[in-house]
Amino acid sequence: MSDQERLIGEVEAALDTIRPYLQADAGNVSIVEITENKVLKIKLLGSCESCPMSIMTLKAGIEEAVKKAVPEITAVEAINLTAIDDPNAVLPDVLK
């Protein structure tokens, strides 16, 4: 198993610990890549894609869980982060 495969497995396990919370709001997350600098790039899925709270979900939830479980990861970035002032941002029904 390569170092990259090991990292992906450890990151998936960390994401699995927070997926139930994302899925409770009809959201999810997937790994896009882990860069040479150990930056995890993810894609927010479902309601997380258009939620104005996605930056908080990313920083306080996803990034914290991943960096705690996999200290080699230096940062977590979402490739499709919704800005809090995006006029197309929509809160999940659960949060309304």
Protein backbone atom coordinates (compact mmCIF):
# COMPACT_ATOMS: atom_id res chain seq x y z
CA MET A 1 0.00 0.00 0.00
CA SER A 2 1.41 3.40 -0.98
CA ASP A 3 1.59 6.35 1.39
CA GLN A 4 -1.14 8.06 -0.69
CA GLU A 5 -3.45 5.04 -0.41
CA ARG A 6 -2.86 4.89 3.35
CA LEU A 7 -3.65 8.60 3.72
CA ILE A 8 -6.83 8.27 1.67
CA GLY A 9 -7.95 5.35 3.83
CA GLU A 10 -7.29 7.28 7.04
CA VAL A 11 -9.05 10.38 5.70
CA GLU A 12 -12.08 8.29 4.61
CA ALA A 13 -12.25 6.81 8.12
CA ALA A 14 -12.16 10.31 9.63
CA LEU A 15 -14.86 11.50 7.22
CA ASP A 16 -16.98 8.48 8.15
CA THR A 17 -17.11 9.80 11.74
CA ILE A 18 -18.82 13.01 10.63
CA ARG A 19 -20.84 11.75 7.66
CA PRO A 20 -23.88 10.90 9.81
CA TYR A 21 -24.14 14.58 10.79
CA LEU A 22 -23.83 15.73 7.19
CA GLN A 23 -26.31 13.10 6.01
CA ALA A 24 -28.81 14.17 8.68
CA ASP A 25 -29.03 17.46 6.77
CA ALA A 26 -29.09 15.70 3.36
CA GLY A 27 -25.42 16.41 2.69
CA ASN A 28 -22.17 14.51 2.30
CA VAL A 29 -18.54 14.94 1.28
CA SER A 30 -16.15 13.20 -1.09
CA ILE A 31 -12.38 13.26 -1.50
CA VAL A 32 -11.12 14.90 -4.68
CA GLU A 33 -7.39 14.59 -3.99
CA ILE A 34 -4.60 14.88 -1.46
CA THR A 35 -1.87 17.12 -2.84
CA GLU A 36 1.88 16.64 -2.48
CA ASN A 37 1.75 19.26 0.30
CA LYS A 38 -0.82 17.09 2.12
CA VAL A 39 -3.72 19.45 1.44
CA LEU A 40 -6.99 17.53 1.33
CA LYS A 41 -9.31 18.75 -1.42
CA ILE A 42 -12.92 17.72 -1.01
CA LYS A 43 -16.24 18.23 -2.72
CA LEU A 44 -19.32 19.05 -0.68
CA LEU A 45 -22.34 17.07 -1.82
CA GLY A 46 -26.12 17.29 -1.49
CA SER A 47 -27.44 20.17 0.58
CA CYS A 48 -23.87 20.99 1.70
CA GLU A 49 -23.21 22.25 -1.84
CA SER A 50 -25.62 25.16 -1.58
CA CYS A 51 -25.72 25.81 2.17
CA PRO A 52 -24.51 29.22 3.35
CA MET A 53 -23.17 27.49 6.50
CA SER A 54 -20.84 25.27 4.45
CA ILE A 55 -17.74 27.26 5.48
CA MET A 56 -18.52 26.51 9.13
CA THR A 57 -19.17 22.86 8.31
CA LEU A 58 -15.84 22.72 6.52
CA LYS A 59 -13.75 24.42 9.21
CA ALA A 60 -15.43 23.39 12.47
CA GLY A 61 -16.50 19.92 11.40
CA ILE A 62 -14.68 18.37 8.49
CA GLU A 63 -11.25 19.99 8.85
CA GLU A 64 -11.15 19.49 12.61
CA ALA A 65 -12.09 15.81 12.39
CA VAL A 66 -9.64 15.07 9.58
CA LYS A 67 -6.65 16.91 11.06
CA LYS A 68 -7.24 15.28 14.46
CA ALA A 69 -7.33 11.79 12.95
CA VAL A 70 -4.68 12.35 10.26
CA PRO A 71 -2.10 14.89 11.51
CA GLU A 72 -0.16 14.74 8.23
CA ILE A 73 -2.99 16.66 6.54
CA THR A 74 -1.98 20.33 6.59
CA ALA A 75 -5.26 21.86 5.39
CA VAL A 76 -8.69 20.99 4.03
CA GLU A 77 -10.16 22.88 1.09
CA ALA A 78 -13.55 22.49 -0.55
CA ILE A 79 -13.49 22.92 -4.32
CA ASN A 80 -17.14 24.01 -4.35
CA LEU A 81 -17.56 26.07 -1.21
CA THR A 82 -20.67 28.25 -1.10
CA ALA A 83 -20.10 31.83 0.04
CA ILE A 84 -22.31 32.87 2.94
CA ASP A 85 -23.60 35.84 0.90
CA ASP A 86 -24.25 33.82 -2.26
CA PRO A 87 -27.80 34.71 -3.41
CA ASN A 88 -28.28 31.08 -4.53
CA ALA A 89 -27.38 29.66 -1.11
CA VAL A 90 -30.19 27.64 0.45
CA LEU A 91 -30.44 26.27 3.97
CA PRO A 92 -31.42 22.60 4.28
CA ASP A 93 -35.05 22.11 5.39
CA VAL A 94 -33.78 20.78 8.72
CA LEU A 95 -32.12 24.14 9.50
CA LYS A 96 -35.00 26.39 8.44
